[in-house]
Amino acid sequence: MELENQTLIKEFILVGFSQNFPICIFIFLLFFSIYILTVLENVFLIFTIIVSSKLHTPMYYFLCNLSFLDFCFSSSTVPKLLIDVLSEERRISVVDCLSQMNLVLVLGGIECLLLAVMAYDRYIAICFPLYYTVIMSWRVCRYSTVIMWSASLLFSVGPTLIKPFEFCQENRLDHFFCEVLAIVELACGDISFYKITIVVVGLFTLLTPPIFIIGSYICIISSILKIHSSHGRYKAFSTCASHLIVVFMFFGTSLTMYMGQASFSAYLKYISLNYMVFTPALNPLIYSLRNNEVKEAFRKILTNYTWLADHLFSKQISVSSHLQEGGRASRAERR
């Protein structure tokens, strides 16, 4: 009865980081630069994998998916953050806020599962190289993608459909985006259902994949140690090093955010910057700088497009010179 007599909130105010104008300008320039870098890196990496036929393997198929997720991850929050930093009123409707929250949860859940699938791909490639093309067929890759998206949608969006949020008291959200822990703190009535859901979903998406990844790498390391050639051991481990760095960056922050907190704390918004802003920008660099095949594909694309640009430019000069000569000849005939 008490809940029914209260007015439901229809919009939130995102507190963000600072109201000081010089600091806001610095934050805007910093995050704008990182976002542009993130978009260019991930788009170019996706383009490189699609264009280069040598990269049409399951490993790079999943890497292409990771780049797409990083692009979406960053785009789901950073543009709104950039607008709010320079705005006096940092408002967002409840509908838009919940949509953003669900989108971030879905993308985060997919990335957790994707990193586990990428570890399994490396496990098969190193431990069972002769059966790799059979086990990791394109059919398996496509099914894996469908299962990841379906599972993440079910676990992330399902709870909010079963019991929708209602907000009737505080509307100040001490965050730069609509993060689920901050949203739950503002919900009316009994929030035990949402807290239990966060724990259950966290167990599925934040604990199960790392355990699976650790198990895969234990098997991988044992297989690498059996390789007699030092060059062979280095080559085998180098294919996994980039993935391990990304795993530590993503799961380290995510576990701190969701599994180590009973309730939302204001300092968590600074931790969430790691996986929302910095990790999507660093992932393409990590995979590109440590991967010779990707770097070779980069060079070929740049060489081909440079040659094409030079060829078109020289052809344009040649056409213009012919036109000028023709004009001179016609003027000479008239004289």
Protein backbone atom coordinates (compact mmCIF):
# COMPACT_ATOMS: atom_id res chain seq x y z
CA MET A 1 0.00 0.00 0.00
CA GLU A 2 2.89 2.33 0.81
CA LEU A 3 4.47 1.67 -2.60
CA GLU A 4 1.20 2.42 -4.39
CA ASN A 5 0.93 5.85 -2.74
CA GLN A 6 4.39 6.91 -3.97
CA THR A 7 5.03 8.57 -7.33
CA LEU A 8 7.05 6.41 -9.71
CA ILE A 9 10.25 7.99 -11.04
CA LYS A 10 10.44 8.40 -14.84
CA GLU A 11 14.00 9.65 -15.24
CA PHE A 12 17.40 9.49 -13.57
CA ILE A 13 20.20 12.00 -13.11
CA LEU A 14 23.62 10.53 -13.85
CA VAL A 15 26.11 12.04 -11.41
CA GLY A 16 29.16 11.13 -13.51
CA PHE A 17 32.62 12.21 -12.35
CA SER A 18 32.83 15.95 -11.81
CA GLN A 19 30.95 19.24 -12.19
CA ASN A 20 34.15 21.29 -12.47
CA PHE A 21 34.29 22.67 -16.03
CA PRO A 22 38.08 22.39 -16.64
CA ILE A 23 38.03 18.81 -15.36
CA CYS A 24 34.99 18.08 -17.55
CA ILE A 25 36.87 19.37 -20.61
CA PHE A 26 39.85 17.14 -19.77
CA ILE A 27 37.57 14.09 -19.27
CA PHE A 28 35.78 14.82 -22.55
CA LEU A 29 39.02 15.09 -24.55
CA LEU A 30 40.47 11.97 -22.91
CA PHE A 31 37.44 9.74 -23.42
CA PHE A 32 36.70 11.15 -26.87
CA SER A 33 40.25 10.29 -28.00
CA ILE A 34 40.02 6.80 -26.50
CA TYR A 35 36.62 6.20 -28.10
CA ILE A 36 37.78 7.27 -31.58
CA LEU A 37 40.84 5.05 -31.16
CA THR A 38 38.62 2.15 -30.05
CA VAL A 39 36.31 2.49 -33.06
CA LEU A 40 39.15 2.77 -35.59
CA GLU A 41 41.13 -0.13 -34.10
CA ASN A 42 38.23 -2.57 -33.90
CA VAL A 43 36.73 -1.64 -37.27
CA PHE A 44 40.12 -1.97 -38.96
CA LEU A 45 40.80 -5.32 -37.25
CA ILE A 46 37.40 -6.66 -38.34
CA PHE A 47 38.02 -5.37 -41.87
CA THR A 48 41.48 -7.00 -41.95
CA ILE A 49 40.13 -10.39 -40.85
CA ILE A 50 37.30 -10.27 -43.42
CA VAL A 51 39.53 -9.18 -46.31
CA SER A 52 42.54 -11.46 -45.60
CA SER A 53 41.78 -15.03 -46.70
CA LYS A 54 44.65 -16.38 -44.55
CA LEU A 55 42.80 -15.21 -41.46
CA HIS A 56 39.63 -17.14 -42.29
CA THR A 57 40.10 -19.62 -39.45
CA PRO A 58 38.08 -20.28 -36.26
CA MET A 59 40.66 -18.44 -34.14
CA TYR A 60 40.24 -15.20 -36.11
CA TYR A 61 36.50 -15.72 -36.46
CA PHE A 62 36.21 -15.52 -32.67
CA LEU A 63 38.68 -12.61 -32.59
CA CYS A 64 36.44 -10.80 -35.08
CA ASN A 65 33.49 -11.43 -32.74
CA LEU A 66 35.51 -10.05 -29.82
CA SER A 67 36.32 -6.86 -31.76
CA PHE A 68 32.64 -6.43 -32.63
CA LEU A 69 31.69 -6.85 -28.95
CA ASP A 70 34.35 -4.34 -27.86
CA PHE A 71 33.04 -1.83 -30.40
CA CYS A 72 29.45 -2.32 -29.14
CA PHE A 73 30.57 -2.29 -25.49
CA SER A 74 32.26 1.06 -25.84
CA SER A 75 29.50 2.53 -28.04
CA SER A 76 26.79 1.56 -25.53
CA THR A 77 28.11 3.95 -22.85
CA VAL A 78 30.87 6.32 -24.03
CA PRO A 79 28.81 8.54 -26.44
CA LYS A 80 26.27 9.21 -23.68
CA LEU A 81 29.14 9.87 -21.26
CA LEU A 82 30.66 12.42 -23.66
CA ILE A 83 27.33 14.25 -23.99
CA ASP A 84 26.75 14.29 -20.24
CA VAL A 85 30.24 15.54 -19.40
CA LEU A 86 29.52 18.85 -21.18
CA SER A 87 25.87 19.07 -20.08
CA GLU A 88 24.48 20.72 -16.99
CA GLU A 89 21.52 18.34 -16.85
CA ARG A 90 22.67 14.74 -17.08
CA ARG A 91 19.26 13.16 -17.40
CA ILE A 92 18.20 9.80 -18.84
CA SER A 93 14.72 8.29 -18.93
CA VAL A 94 14.05 5.09 -16.98
CA VAL A 95 13.26 3.25 -20.22
CA ASP A 96 16.54 4.32 -21.86
CA CYS A 97 18.43 3.58 -18.65
CA LEU A 98 17.08 0.03 -18.37
CA SER A 99 17.72 -0.52 -22.08
CA GLN A 100 21.35 0.53 -21.64
CA MET A 101 21.69 -1.67 -18.54
CA ASN A 102 20.34 -4.73 -20.35
CA LEU A 103 22.51 -4.08 -23.42
CA VAL A 104 25.66 -3.86 -21.28
CA LEU A 105 24.71 -7.05 -19.41
CA VAL A 106 24.07 -8.95 -22.64
CA LEU A 107 27.34 -7.82 -24.23
CA GLY A 108 29.27 -8.54 -21.04
CA GLY A 109 27.78 -12.03 -20.76
CA ILE A 110 28.64 -12.80 -24.39
CA GLU A 111 32.23 -11.62 -23.90
CA CYS A 112 32.64 -13.85 -20.82
CA LEU A 113 31.46 -16.90 -22.78
CA LEU A 114 33.44 -15.89 -25.88
CA LEU A 115 36.72 -15.73 -23.94
CA ALA A 116 36.01 -19.27 -22.68
CA VAL A 117 35.32 -20.50 -26.24
CA MET A 118 38.55 -18.86 -27.46
CA ALA A 119 40.47 -20.73 -24.73
CA TYR A 120 38.85 -23.99 -25.89
CA ASP A 121 39.85 -23.17 -29.48
CA ARG A 122 43.50 -22.77 -28.41
CA TYR A 123 43.28 -25.97 -26.36
CA ILE A 124 42.14 -27.99 -29.40
CA ALA A 125 44.70 -26.30 -31.70
CA ILE A 126 47.65 -27.12 -29.41
CA CYS A 127 46.62 -30.40 -27.78
CA PHE A 128 44.83 -31.99 -30.77
CA PRO A 129 46.26 -30.29 -33.89
CA LEU A 130 45.43 -33.19 -36.22
CA TYR A 131 41.74 -33.05 -35.31
CA TYR A 132 41.48 -29.25 -35.13
CA THR A 133 39.67 -28.69 -38.44
CA VAL A 134 37.21 -31.48 -37.62
CA ILE A 135 36.40 -30.41 -34.06
CA MET A 136 36.42 -26.63 -34.70
CA SER A 137 34.46 -26.71 -37.94
CA TRP A 138 32.59 -23.65 -39.21
CA ARG A 139 29.34 -25.32 -38.19
CA VAL A 140 30.59 -25.59 -34.60
CA CYS A 141 31.70 -21.95 -34.69
CA ARG A 142 28.29 -20.75 -35.84
CA TYR A 143 26.47 -22.88 -33.26
CA SER A 144 28.78 -21.56 -30.54
CA THR A 145 27.91 -17.98 -31.50
CA VAL A 146 24.16 -18.67 -31.40
CA ILE A 147 24.45 -20.41 -28.02
CA MET A 148 26.50 -17.54 -26.54
CA TRP A 149 24.00 -14.90 -27.63
CA SER A 150 20.99 -16.97 -26.54
CA ALA A 151 22.43 -17.83 -23.11
CA SER A 152 23.47 -14.23 -22.44
CA LEU A 153 20.06 -12.87 -23.45
CA LEU A 154 18.31 -15.44 -21.23
CA PHE A 155 20.41 -14.78 -18.12
CA SER A 156 20.76 -11.00 -18.55
CA VAL A 157 17.37 -9.81 -19.77
CA GLY A 158 15.19 -12.62 -18.38
CA PRO A 159 15.14 -11.49 -14.71
CA THR A 160 14.01 -7.93 -15.56
CA LEU A 161 11.17 -9.36 -17.67
CA ILE A 162 10.08 -11.66 -14.83
CA LYS A 163 10.08 -8.84 -12.25
CA PRO A 164 10.34 -5.35 -13.77
CA PHE A 165 12.05 -2.59 -11.78
CA GLU A 166 10.04 0.15 -10.05
CA PHE A 167 11.62 3.39 -8.82
CA CYS A 168 9.85 5.78 -6.47
CA GLN A 169 12.40 7.50 -4.20
CA GLU A 170 15.93 8.60 -5.11
CA ASN A 171 16.64 9.39 -8.79
CA ARG A 172 20.33 10.37 -8.55
CA LEU A 173 22.46 7.57 -10.04
CA ASP A 174 26.05 7.86 -8.81
CA HIS A 175 27.57 6.49 -11.99
CA PHE A 176 28.39 7.49 -15.57
CA PHE A 177 26.08 4.83 -17.06
CA CYS A 178 23.17 2.68 -15.93
CA GLU A 179 25.09 -0.06 -14.16
CA VAL A 180 23.01 -2.88 -12.67
CA LEU A 181 24.32 -2.63 -9.08
CA ALA A 182 23.59 1.10 -8.98
CA ILE A 183 20.11 0.53 -10.47
CA VAL A 184 19.22 -2.16 -7.91
CA GLU A 185 20.11 0.23 -5.06
CA LEU A 186 17.45 2.68 -6.31
CA ALA A 187 14.67 0.12 -6.80
CA CYS A 188 11.58 0.22 -4.58
CA GLY A 189 10.31 -2.59 -2.41
CA ASP A 190 12.03 -5.91 -1.82
CA ILE A 191 15.25 -6.11 -3.88
CA SER A 192 16.31 -9.55 -2.64
CA PHE A 193 15.19 -11.12 -5.94
CA TYR A 194 17.55 -8.89 -7.92
CA LYS A 195 20.49 -9.50 -5.57
CA ILE A 196 20.00 -13.27 -5.74
CA THR A 197 19.77 -13.01 -9.54
CA ILE A 198 23.04 -11.05 -9.69
CA VAL A 199 24.77 -13.80 -7.68
CA VAL A 200 23.32 -16.60 -9.84
CA VAL A 201 24.14 -14.85 -13.14
CA GLY A 202 27.57 -13.98 -11.77
CA LEU A 203 28.25 -17.63 -10.99
CA PHE A 204 27.31 -18.55 -14.55
CA THR A 205 29.09 -15.77 -16.45
CA LEU A 206 31.93 -14.65 -14.14
CA LEU A 207 33.04 -17.82 -12.33
CA THR A 208 32.30 -20.71 -14.71
CA PRO A 209 34.20 -19.30 -17.75
CA PRO A 210 37.41 -18.50 -15.77
CA ILE A 211 37.38 -22.00 -14.25
CA PHE A 212 36.98 -23.46 -17.74
CA ILE A 213 39.76 -21.19 -19.06
CA ILE A 214 42.13 -22.19 -16.24
CA GLY A 215 41.44 -25.88 -16.93
CA SER A 216 42.09 -25.38 -20.66
CA TYR A 217 45.39 -23.61 -20.02
CA ILE A 218 46.58 -26.27 -17.58
CA CYS A 219 46.19 -28.78 -20.40
CA ILE A 220 47.79 -26.36 -22.89
CA ILE A 221 50.83 -25.72 -20.69
CA SER A 222 51.33 -29.45 -20.08
CA SER A 223 51.27 -30.02 -23.86
CA ILE A 224 53.66 -27.13 -24.51
CA LEU A 225 56.17 -28.51 -22.00
CA LYS A 226 56.24 -31.77 -23.96
CA ILE A 227 57.44 -29.97 -27.10
CA HIS A 228 61.20 -30.55 -27.48
CA SER A 229 61.97 -27.56 -29.69
CA SER A 230 62.30 -24.21 -27.86
CA HIS A 231 61.08 -22.45 -31.02
CA GLY A 232 58.02 -24.70 -31.07
CA ARG A 233 57.29 -23.98 -27.39
CA TYR A 234 57.64 -20.24 -27.97
CA LYS A 235 55.37 -20.32 -31.03
CA ALA A 236 52.71 -22.36 -29.20
CA PHE A 237 52.74 -20.10 -26.15
CA SER A 238 52.77 -16.86 -28.18
CA THR A 239 49.39 -17.80 -29.70
CA CYS A 240 47.94 -17.94 -26.17
CA ALA A 241 49.71 -14.99 -24.53
CA SER A 242 47.43 -12.33 -26.05
CA HIS A 243 44.32 -14.20 -24.98
CA LEU A 244 45.63 -14.62 -21.43
CA ILE A 245 46.32 -10.87 -21.10
CA VAL A 246 42.77 -10.04 -22.26
CA VAL A 247 41.30 -12.64 -19.86
CA PHE A 248 43.14 -11.19 -16.86
CA MET A 249 42.14 -7.63 -17.77
CA PHE A 250 38.45 -8.40 -18.30
CA PHE A 251 37.73 -10.94 -15.57
CA GLY A 252 39.94 -9.23 -13.00
CA THR A 253 37.83 -6.08 -13.14
CA SER A 254 34.50 -7.87 -13.56
CA LEU A 255 35.04 -10.17 -10.57
CA THR A 256 35.99 -7.17 -8.43
CA MET A 257 32.83 -5.38 -9.56
CA TYR A 258 30.19 -8.07 -9.21
CA MET A 259 31.40 -10.92 -7.04
CA GLY A 260 33.17 -8.96 -4.31
CA GLN A 261 30.39 -6.49 -3.47
CA ALA A 262 27.22 -6.94 -1.43
CA SER A 263 25.99 -3.50 -2.53
CA PHE A 264 26.98 -0.67 -4.83
CA SER A 265 29.76 1.71 -3.79
CA ALA A 266 30.58 4.98 -5.54
CA TYR A 267 34.22 4.02 -6.17
CA LEU A 268 33.10 1.11 -8.37
CA LYS A 269 32.32 3.50 -11.21
CA TYR A 270 36.05 4.18 -11.50
CA ILE A 271 36.79 0.44 -11.64
CA SER A 272 34.16 -0.04 -14.33
CA LEU A 273 36.08 2.38 -16.57
CA ASN A 274 38.58 -0.43 -17.12
CA TYR A 275 36.23 -2.83 -18.91
CA MET A 276 33.91 -0.18 -20.39
CA VAL A 277 36.49 2.26 -21.81
CA PHE A 278 40.10 1.06 -21.61
CA THR A 279 39.84 -2.69 -22.33
CA PRO A 280 37.96 -2.26 -25.66
CA ALA A 281 40.74 0.11 -26.78
CA LEU A 282 43.59 -2.17 -25.61
CA ASN A 283 42.29 -5.52 -26.93
CA PRO A 284 42.98 -4.84 -30.64
CA LEU A 285 46.46 -3.54 -29.82
CA ILE A 286 47.25 -6.61 -27.71
CA TYR A 287 46.15 -9.03 -30.44
CA SER A 288 47.76 -7.02 -33.25
CA LEU A 289 51.16 -6.30 -31.72
CA ARG A 290 51.69 -9.89 -30.54
CA ASN A 291 50.36 -11.64 -33.65
CA ASN A 292 52.60 -11.94 -36.71
CA GLU A 293 49.78 -13.11 -39.00
CA VAL A 294 47.66 -10.07 -38.18
CA LYS A 295 50.63 -7.72 -38.62
CA GLU A 296 51.44 -9.31 -41.98
CA ALA A 297 47.82 -8.92 -43.08
CA PHE A 298 47.96 -5.25 -41.99
CA ARG A 299 51.06 -4.68 -44.10
CA LYS A 300 49.55 -6.32 -47.18
CA ILE A 301 46.37 -4.26 -46.94
CA LEU A 302 48.32 -1.03 -46.49
CA THR A 303 50.64 -1.93 -49.40
CA ASN A 304 47.75 -2.82 -51.72
CA TYR A 305 45.77 0.30 -50.92
CA THR A 306 48.86 2.51 -51.18
CA TRP A 307 49.61 1.02 -54.62
CA LEU A 308 45.99 1.51 -55.68
CA ALA A 309 45.99 5.13 -54.52
CA ASP A 310 49.30 5.81 -56.32
CA HIS A 311 48.01 4.09 -59.47
CA LEU A 312 44.77 6.11 -59.49
CA PHE A 313 46.65 9.33 -58.78
CA SER A 314 49.16 8.73 -61.60
CA LYS A 315 46.33 7.79 -63.96
CA GLN A 316 44.50 11.01 -63.08
CA ILE A 317 47.65 13.04 -63.78
CA SER A 318 48.12 11.26 -67.11
CA VAL A 319 44.49 11.95 -68.16
CA SER A 320 44.77 15.62 -67.20
CA SER A 321 48.06 15.98 -69.10
CA HIS A 322 46.45 14.42 -72.22
CA LEU A 323 43.56 16.85 -71.96
CA GLN A 324 45.95 19.78 -71.66
CA GLU A 325 47.91 18.61 -74.72
CA GLY A 326 44.68 18.20 -76.67
CA GLY A 327 43.61 21.73 -75.71
CA ARG A 328 46.93 23.16 -76.87
CA ALA A 329 46.71 21.29 -80.19
CA SER A 330 43.18 22.58 -80.88
CA ARG A 331 44.22 26.17 -80.12
CA ALA A 332 47.24 25.81 -82.47
CA GLU A 333 44.99 24.55 -85.29
CA ARG A 334 42.67 27.55 -84.89
CA ARG A 335 45.60 29.92 -85.26
